[in-house]
């Protein structure tokens, strides 16, 4: 969600807790107002039933959203391993080339892995990394074209060409994985349901005319903490649950002389 992405996760947590506490207070005051209009309103069990149903809906929405973002996160993790394998294969098959193409190809692939790891550590580098990655693709393909034009059309050269093709293809898949986020309408429904749930909790707590601030605060902290798991998982390289780049880091170490 664009609005959420503008804030760090801790700020989203604090702001959301404040908003739900405000919603609970508004619900409490609404419940008190309704009781002043109709003293019998607080005696009906319907408010508790509605609150229970709304919280059940919240639990379903959270479970549904967590399932989506976990699948997306697992897909991103698998894509890192796939890219490391494809780049590693291309690096090994570059040994089939003569000099200076062999050294040039391996240097480009090493730089490719390096910039990808840097972008994963700092999302601000994403645009420049994409641009440089595509430049490297062009340089690698120029090496391929140069060798093929010189008559290097053996089965061994075909293996090298396939590996470079795979590196380029996986790049596109990783870009698609980065853009794969929880749909914005689902975020809106989740946030609206959260606010409505605490509004109803406030209404229900007004039945005896006493605020239970501690209970509502603890409930808010617990529920919003679970909600923050969804936010965290929806941001691949922010927060605590980031996509590990271990496969790429291991590959870079193997490339080092």
Foldseek 3Di string as FASTA:
>chain_A
DVVPVVDALVVVLVVLLVLLVVLLQLLQVVLVVVCVVPVCVLVDCVLVVVLVVLVVVLVVLLVVLLVLLVVLLVVLLVLLLQLLVLLLQLLVLLVVDDPPSSVVLLVLSLVLLVLVVVCLQPVVCVVVNLVSNVVSLVVNVVSLVVCVVVVPPDPSSVSNVVSSVSNVVSSVVNVVSQVDADDPVSVVVSSVSSSVSSSSVSSNVCSVPDDPVVVSSVVSSVSSVSVSSSVVSRHQRHDDNHRDNVSSVVSSVVSDD
